[in-house]
Amino acid sequence: MSAAPERSLMATERGAPRVLRLVQEDAEPDSPYPKASLLLRLGARVVDCAVAWGLYVVCGAAGAVVALLFLLLADGMLQGQSVGKRIFGVKVMHLPTRSAARHRDSTLRNAPLALVVLLGMMPAPQGVVAALAGFVVIGGVEAWRVLSDPLGLRLGDTWAQTQVVDGKVVAGATVAARTPVGATRAPGRLMSAAKVRRGKAFRKGRRGKPCASR
């Protein structure tokens, strides 16, 4: 049997092309990150659900749609962090690129949970029953995956090829990647350049000034 076909993943970030690793279609990419604390992940999820509920209450008739969009896109809002994840210090990483999750990745990994909200948007009382059933089934499967998987990957993470990690694990790499090359200058160099420019401007002004008649 021939091996599964491979695809070359390409991505761009702020206009700079990046050639990514080859990943088999039927295989999950390797992860260099350890499993994040389940308590931190639970706290972050509770905060995000509370924010979504607040949006549902505040936005009136469009509240359900706004809450649904928030849940789908939350993990791509703050460089791989939702509001809850920012508070509890965890982050979603896209494993093939070793970079913070974006809105597309967030939508894929949160699609199973957003389905519960979609079921709740059905007319009452069917909507309430469907939402509760979806919460039990989908929430149960996702919780089981998080507890049993060595990396804490749930079903949505498998779809999006993402992993929730401790923010401290990737903080050093993120800072190093954003440090411009050659940004460090020698002490006093900036002040010396400014003095030279001022001296040139002064001499040019003196040459252009007409001499007073004696």
C-alpha atoms as a PDB file:
ATOM      1  CA  MET A   1       0.000   0.000   0.000  1.00  0.00           C
ATOM      2  CA  SER A   2       1.382   3.373  -0.922  1.00  0.00           C
ATOM      3  CA  ALA A   3       1.931   5.945   1.746  1.00  0.00           C
ATOM      4  CA  ALA A   4      -0.603   8.703   2.242  1.00  0.00           C
ATOM      5  CA  PRO A   5      -0.006  11.722   0.008  1.00  0.00           C
ATOM      6  CA  GLU A   6       1.768  14.645   1.524  1.00  0.00           C
ATOM      7  CA  ARG A   7       1.024  18.298   1.045  1.00  0.00           C
ATOM      8  CA  SER A   8       3.233  21.349   1.378  1.00  0.00           C
ATOM      9  CA  LEU A   9       1.765  23.896   3.726  1.00  0.00           C
ATOM     10  CA  MET A  10       2.360  27.559   2.922  1.00  0.00           C
ATOM     11  CA  ALA A  11       1.447  30.503   5.114  1.00  0.00           C
ATOM     12  CA  THR A  12       2.004  34.229   5.117  1.00  0.00           C
ATOM     13  CA  GLU A  13       2.217  36.507   8.111  1.00  0.00           C
ATOM     14  CA  ARG A  14       2.307  40.261   7.605  1.00  0.00           C
ATOM     15  CA  GLY A  15       3.373  39.845   4.003  1.00  0.00           C
ATOM     16  CA  ALA A  16       6.362  37.570   4.740  1.00  0.00           C
ATOM     17  CA  PRO A  17       6.059  34.091   3.117  1.00  0.00           C
ATOM     18  CA  ARG A  18       6.874  31.063   5.209  1.00  0.00           C
ATOM     19  CA  VAL A  19       7.549  27.572   3.894  1.00  0.00           C
ATOM     20  CA  LEU A  20       6.153  25.089   6.368  1.00  0.00           C
ATOM     21  CA  ARG A  21       6.840  21.471   7.145  1.00  0.00           C
ATOM     22  CA  LEU A  22       5.289  18.662   5.121  1.00  0.00           C
ATOM     23  CA  VAL A  23       2.428  17.003   6.970  1.00  0.00           C
ATOM     24  CA  GLN A  24       0.685  13.815   5.937  1.00  0.00           C
ATOM     25  CA  GLU A  25      -3.021  14.112   5.208  1.00  0.00           C
ATOM     26  CA  ASP A  26      -4.006  11.429   7.719  1.00  0.00           C
ATOM     27  CA  ALA A  27      -1.453  12.227  10.419  1.00  0.00           C
ATOM     28  CA  GLU A  28      -1.346  14.753  13.208  1.00  0.00           C
ATOM     29  CA  PRO A  29       1.752  16.972  13.358  1.00  0.00           C
ATOM     30  CA  ASP A  30       4.223  16.414  16.141  1.00  0.00           C
ATOM     31  CA  SER A  31       4.065  18.794  19.078  1.00  0.00           C
ATOM     32  CA  PRO A  32       7.031  20.125  21.054  1.00  0.00           C
ATOM     33  CA  TYR A  33       4.740  21.549  23.745  1.00  0.00           C
ATOM     34  CA  PRO A  34       3.716  19.822  26.979  1.00  0.00           C
ATOM     35  CA  LYS A  35       0.109  19.394  28.026  1.00  0.00           C
ATOM     36  CA  ALA A  36      -1.334  22.545  29.563  1.00  0.00           C
ATOM     37  CA  SER A  37      -2.974  22.612  32.976  1.00  0.00           C
ATOM     38  CA  LEU A  38      -6.594  21.458  32.784  1.00  0.00           C
ATOM     39  CA  LEU A  39      -7.571  23.831  35.592  1.00  0.00           C
ATOM     40  CA  LEU A  40      -6.241  26.819  33.638  1.00  0.00           C
ATOM     41  CA  ARG A  41      -8.077  25.671  30.520  1.00  0.00           C
ATOM     42  CA  LEU A  42     -11.294  25.196  32.460  1.00  0.00           C
ATOM     43  CA  GLY A  43     -11.018  28.654  34.007  1.00  0.00           C
ATOM     44  CA  ALA A  44     -10.386  30.208  30.600  1.00  0.00           C
ATOM     45  CA  ARG A  45     -13.426  28.431  29.132  1.00  0.00           C
ATOM     46  CA  VAL A  46     -15.649  29.596  31.970  1.00  0.00           C
ATOM     47  CA  VAL A  47     -14.581  33.214  31.396  1.00  0.00           C
ATOM     48  CA  ASP A  48     -15.186  32.943  27.640  1.00  0.00           C
ATOM     49  CA  CYS A  49     -18.646  31.454  28.181  1.00  0.00           C
ATOM     50  CA  ALA A  50     -19.439  34.254  30.627  1.00  0.00           C
ATOM     51  CA  VAL A  51     -18.369  36.851  28.052  1.00  0.00           C
ATOM     52  CA  ALA A  52     -20.489  35.138  25.387  1.00  0.00           C
ATOM     53  CA  TRP A  53     -23.480  35.139  27.746  1.00  0.00           C
ATOM     54  CA  GLY A  54     -22.981  38.834  28.458  1.00  0.00           C
ATOM     55  CA  LEU A  55     -22.937  39.571  24.728  1.00  0.00           C
ATOM     56  CA  TYR A  56     -26.109  37.529  24.318  1.00  0.00           C
ATOM     57  CA  VAL A  57     -27.884  39.565  26.974  1.00  0.00           C
ATOM     58  CA  VAL A  58     -26.596  42.981  25.904  1.00  0.00           C
ATOM     59  CA  CYS A  59     -27.046  42.658  22.129  1.00  0.00           C
ATOM     60  CA  GLY A  60     -30.775  41.936  22.245  1.00  0.00           C
ATOM     61  CA  ALA A  61     -32.218  40.261  19.147  1.00  0.00           C
ATOM     62  CA  ALA A  62     -28.777  39.736  17.613  1.00  0.00           C
ATOM     63  CA  GLY A  63     -27.328  38.442  20.876  1.00  0.00           C
ATOM     64  CA  ALA A  64     -27.290  34.790  19.858  1.00  0.00           C
ATOM     65  CA  VAL A  65     -25.445  35.533  16.606  1.00  0.00           C
ATOM     66  CA  VAL A  66     -22.909  37.795  18.347  1.00  0.00           C
ATOM     67  CA  ALA A  67     -22.279  35.192  21.045  1.00  0.00           C
ATOM     68  CA  LEU A  68     -21.849  32.495  18.401  1.00  0.00           C
ATOM     69  CA  LEU A  69     -19.321  34.576  16.462  1.00  0.00           C
ATOM     70  CA  PHE A  70     -17.414  35.347  19.643  1.00  0.00           C
ATOM     71  CA  LEU A  71     -17.127  31.682  20.564  1.00  0.00           C
ATOM     72  CA  LEU A  72     -15.942  30.801  17.067  1.00  0.00           C
ATOM     73  CA  LEU A  73     -13.341  33.570  16.705  1.00  0.00           C
ATOM     74  CA  ALA A  74     -12.275  34.084  20.332  1.00  0.00           C
ATOM     75  CA  ASP A  75      -9.014  32.099  20.178  1.00  0.00           C
ATOM     76  CA  GLY A  76      -7.719  34.163  17.253  1.00  0.00           C
ATOM     77  CA  MET A  77      -8.409  37.614  18.683  1.00  0.00           C
ATOM     78  CA  LEU A  78      -5.314  38.175  20.837  1.00  0.00           C
ATOM     79  CA  GLN A  79      -2.508  36.264  19.104  1.00  0.00           C
ATOM     80  CA  GLY A  80      -3.881  32.826  19.929  1.00  0.00           C
ATOM     81  CA  GLN A  81      -5.636  33.911  23.101  1.00  0.00           C
ATOM     82  CA  SER A  82      -9.242  34.627  23.926  1.00  0.00           C
ATOM     83  CA  VAL A  83     -10.195  36.856  26.831  1.00  0.00           C
ATOM     84  CA  GLY A  84     -10.234  33.905  29.188  1.00  0.00           C
ATOM     85  CA  LYS A  85      -6.989  32.449  27.888  1.00  0.00           C
ATOM     86  CA  ARG A  86      -5.273  35.819  28.243  1.00  0.00           C
ATOM     87  CA  ILE A  87      -6.395  36.009  31.885  1.00  0.00           C
ATOM     88  CA  PHE A  88      -5.295  32.459  32.735  1.00  0.00           C
ATOM     89  CA  GLY A  89      -2.064  32.526  30.703  1.00  0.00           C
ATOM     90  CA  VAL A  90      -2.743  29.765  28.179  1.00  0.00           C
ATOM     91  CA  LYS A  91      -2.476  30.015  24.408  1.00  0.00           C
ATOM     92  CA  VAL A  92      -3.605  28.172  21.282  1.00  0.00           C
ATOM     93  CA  MET A  93      -0.761  27.220  18.932  1.00  0.00           C
ATOM     94  CA  HIS A  94      -1.073  26.015  15.337  1.00  0.00           C
ATOM     95  CA  LEU A  95       1.193  22.965  15.346  1.00  0.00           C
ATOM     96  CA  PRO A  96       2.303  22.758  11.679  1.00  0.00           C
ATOM     97  CA  THR A  97       3.545  26.366  11.727  1.00  0.00           C
ATOM     98  CA  ARG A  98       4.490  26.628  15.430  1.00  0.00           C
ATOM     99  CA  SER A  99       2.660  29.972  15.462  1.00  0.00           C
ATOM    100  CA  ALA A 100      -0.282  31.488  17.340  1.00  0.00           C
ATOM    101  CA  ALA A 101      -3.713  30.384  16.159  1.00  0.00           C
ATOM    102  CA  ARG A 102      -5.591  32.673  13.804  1.00  0.00           C
ATOM    103  CA  HIS A 103      -9.284  33.207  13.195  1.00  0.00           C
ATOM    104  CA  ARG A 104      -9.526  30.272  10.797  1.00  0.00           C
ATOM    105  CA  ASP A 105      -7.884  27.935  13.317  1.00  0.00           C
ATOM    106  CA  SER A 106     -10.117  29.286  16.077  1.00  0.00           C
ATOM    107  CA  THR A 107     -13.234  28.683  13.994  1.00  0.00           C
ATOM    108  CA  LEU A 108     -12.273  25.081  13.274  1.00  0.00           C
ATOM    109  CA  ARG A 109     -11.351  24.175  16.851  1.00  0.00           C
ATOM    110  CA  ASN A 110     -14.437  25.818  18.370  1.00  0.00           C
ATOM    111  CA  ALA A 111     -16.936  24.520  15.800  1.00  0.00           C
ATOM    112  CA  PRO A 112     -18.122  21.585  17.983  1.00  0.00           C
ATOM    113  CA  LEU A 113     -18.871  23.911  20.910  1.00  0.00           C
ATOM    114  CA  ALA A 114     -20.537  26.500  18.667  1.00  0.00           C
ATOM    115  CA  LEU A 115     -22.879  23.774  17.442  1.00  0.00           C
ATOM    116  CA  VAL A 116     -24.467  23.750  20.893  1.00  0.00           C
ATOM    117  CA  VAL A 117     -25.320  27.440  20.489  1.00  0.00           C
ATOM    118  CA  LEU A 118     -26.782  26.769  17.040  1.00  0.00           C
ATOM    119  CA  LEU A 119     -29.018  24.076  18.486  1.00  0.00           C
ATOM    120  CA  GLY A 120     -30.177  26.521  21.147  1.00  0.00           C
ATOM    121  CA  MET A 121     -31.260  28.968  18.430  1.00  0.00           C
ATOM    122  CA  MET A 122     -34.075  26.616  17.393  1.00  0.00           C
ATOM    123  CA  PRO A 123     -37.618  27.656  18.378  1.00  0.00           C
ATOM    124  CA  ALA A 124     -38.623  26.859  21.954  1.00  0.00           C
ATOM    125  CA  PRO A 125     -39.045  24.385  23.503  1.00  0.00           C
ATOM    126  CA  GLN A 126     -37.156  22.266  20.966  1.00  0.00           C
ATOM    127  CA  GLY A 127     -34.189  24.623  21.097  1.00  0.00           C
ATOM    128  CA  VAL A 128     -33.684  24.225  24.829  1.00  0.00           C
ATOM    129  CA  VAL A 129     -33.910  20.444  24.644  1.00  0.00           C
ATOM    130  CA  ALA A 130     -31.586  20.267  21.639  1.00  0.00           C
ATOM    131  CA  ALA A 131     -29.048  22.581  23.292  1.00  0.00           C
ATOM    132  CA  LEU A 132     -29.004  20.530  26.482  1.00  0.00           C
ATOM    133  CA  ALA A 133     -28.638  17.284  24.547  1.00  0.00           C
ATOM    134  CA  GLY A 134     -25.865  18.764  22.434  1.00  0.00           C
ATOM    135  CA  PHE A 135     -24.098  20.074  25.517  1.00  0.00           C
ATOM    136  CA  VAL A 136     -24.169  16.628  27.148  1.00  0.00           C
ATOM    137  CA  VAL A 137     -23.052  14.707  24.058  1.00  0.00           C
ATOM    138  CA  ILE A 138     -20.561  17.146  22.518  1.00  0.00           C
ATOM    139  CA  GLY A 139     -19.281  18.422  25.846  1.00  0.00           C
ATOM    140  CA  GLY A 140     -18.856  14.867  27.095  1.00  0.00           C
ATOM    141  CA  VAL A 141     -16.888  13.771  24.023  1.00  0.00           C
ATOM    142  CA  GLU A 142     -14.668  16.854  24.126  1.00  0.00           C
ATOM    143  CA  ALA A 143     -14.025  16.500  27.851  1.00  0.00           C
ATOM    144  CA  TRP A 144     -13.127  12.838  27.419  1.00  0.00           C
ATOM    145  CA  ARG A 145     -10.692  13.716  24.633  1.00  0.00           C
ATOM    146  CA  VAL A 146      -9.004  16.403  26.736  1.00  0.00           C
ATOM    147  CA  LEU A 147      -8.580  14.055  29.693  1.00  0.00           C
ATOM    148  CA  SER A 148      -7.413  11.015  27.718  1.00  0.00           C
ATOM    149  CA  ASP A 149      -5.185  12.599  25.083  1.00  0.00           C
ATOM    150  CA  PRO A 150      -1.495  12.948  26.090  1.00  0.00           C
ATOM    151  CA  LEU A 151      -1.416  16.511  24.735  1.00  0.00           C
ATOM    152  CA  GLY A 152      -4.929  17.461  25.808  1.00  0.00           C
ATOM    153  CA  LEU A 153      -6.195  17.649  22.223  1.00  0.00           C
ATOM    154  CA  ARG A 154      -9.947  17.642  21.848  1.00  0.00           C
ATOM    155  CA  LEU A 155     -11.898  16.972  18.662  1.00  0.00           C
ATOM    156  CA  GLY A 156     -11.726  20.598  17.552  1.00  0.00           C
ATOM    157  CA  ASP A 157      -7.949  20.634  18.024  1.00  0.00           C
ATOM    158  CA  THR A 158      -7.649  17.612  15.743  1.00  0.00           C
ATOM    159  CA  TRP A 159      -9.589  19.405  13.003  1.00  0.00           C
ATOM    160  CA  ALA A 160      -7.600  22.636  13.322  1.00  0.00           C
ATOM    161  CA  GLN A 161      -4.232  20.995  14.154  1.00  0.00           C
ATOM    162  CA  THR A 162      -3.924  23.156  17.254  1.00  0.00           C
ATOM    163  CA  GLN A 163      -2.964  22.678  20.882  1.00  0.00           C
ATOM    164  CA  VAL A 164      -3.595  24.697  24.028  1.00  0.00           C
ATOM    165  CA  VAL A 165      -0.256  25.329  25.753  1.00  0.00           C
ATOM    166  CA  ASP A 166       1.055  27.307  28.681  1.00  0.00           C
ATOM    167  CA  GLY A 167       1.822  30.837  27.517  1.00  0.00           C
ATOM    168  CA  LYS A 168       5.172  30.799  29.310  1.00  0.00           C
ATOM    169  CA  VAL A 169       6.372  27.933  27.112  1.00  0.00           C
ATOM    170  CA  VAL A 170       6.178  29.970  23.895  1.00  0.00           C
ATOM    171  CA  ALA A 171       6.791  33.461  25.320  1.00  0.00           C
ATOM    172  CA  GLY A 172      10.560  33.389  24.763  1.00  0.00           C
ATOM    173  CA  ALA A 173      10.270  32.124  21.189  1.00  0.00           C
ATOM    174  CA  THR A 174       7.650  34.763  20.363  1.00  0.00           C
ATOM    175  CA  VAL A 175       9.828  37.614  21.623  1.00  0.00           C
ATOM    176  CA  ALA A 176      12.882  36.332  19.770  1.00  0.00           C
ATOM    177  CA  ALA A 177      10.973  36.028  16.488  1.00  0.00           C
ATOM    178  CA  ARG A 178       9.782  39.626  16.675  1.00  0.00           C
ATOM    179  CA  THR A 179      13.159  41.167  17.520  1.00  0.00           C
ATOM    180  CA  PRO A 180      14.389  43.059  14.414  1.00  0.00           C
ATOM    181  CA  VAL A 181      17.807  42.071  13.161  1.00  0.00           C
ATOM    182  CA  GLY A 182      20.383  44.774  13.801  1.00  0.00           C
ATOM    183  CA  ALA A 183      18.008  46.771  15.978  1.00  0.00           C
ATOM    184  CA  THR A 184      20.643  47.215  18.714  1.00  0.00           C
ATOM    185  CA  ARG A 185      22.813  50.322  18.345  1.00  0.00           C
ATOM    186  CA  ALA A 186      26.016  51.255  20.032  1.00  0.00           C
ATOM    187  CA  PRO A 187      25.600  53.647  22.985  1.00  0.00           C
ATOM    188  CA  GLY A 188      25.743  57.284  21.928  1.00  0.00           C
ATOM    189  CA  ARG A 189      25.520  56.523  18.215  1.00  0.00           C
ATOM    190  CA  LEU A 190      22.086  58.039  17.848  1.00  0.00           C
ATOM    191  CA  MET A 191      23.134  61.270  19.618  1.00  0.00           C
ATOM    192  CA  SER A 192      26.306  61.512  17.512  1.00  0.00           C
ATOM    193  CA  ALA A 193      24.317  61.241  14.277  1.00  0.00           C
ATOM    194  CA  ALA A 194      21.988  63.997  15.445  1.00  0.00           C
ATOM    195  CA  LYS A 195      24.916  66.302  16.252  1.00  0.00           C
ATOM    196  CA  VAL A 196      26.430  65.723  12.808  1.00  0.00           C
ATOM    197  CA  ARG A 197      23.148  66.601  11.110  1.00  0.00           C
ATOM    198  CA  ARG A 198      22.792  69.791  13.154  1.00  0.00           C
ATOM    199  CA  GLY A 199      26.392  70.797  12.310  1.00  0.00           C
ATOM    200  CA  LYS A 200      25.834  70.318   8.579  1.00  0.00           C
ATOM    201  CA  ALA A 201      22.641  72.364   8.678  1.00  0.00           C
ATOM    202  CA  PHE A 202      24.422  75.170  10.562  1.00  0.00           C
ATOM    203  CA  ARG A 203      27.343  75.330   8.073  1.00  0.00           C
ATOM    204  CA  LYS A 204      24.946  75.319   5.129  1.00  0.00           C
ATOM    205  CA  GLY A 205      23.037  78.240   6.630  1.00  0.00           C
ATOM    206  CA  ARG A 206      26.250  80.209   7.166  1.00  0.00           C
ATOM    207  CA  ARG A 207      27.314  79.672   3.519  1.00  0.00           C
ATOM    208  CA  GLY A 208      23.969  80.826   2.204  1.00  0.00           C
ATOM    209  CA  LYS A 209      23.849  83.971   4.370  1.00  0.00           C
ATOM    210  CA  PRO A 210      25.006  87.128   2.470  1.00  0.00           C
ATOM    211  CA  CYS A 211      27.931  89.021   3.960  1.00  0.00           C
ATOM    212  CA  ALA A 212      27.129  92.434   5.387  1.00  0.00           C
ATOM    213  CA  SER A 213      28.824  95.376   3.622  1.00  0.00           C
ATOM    214  CA  ARG A 214      31.502  97.092   5.543  1.00  0.00           C
END
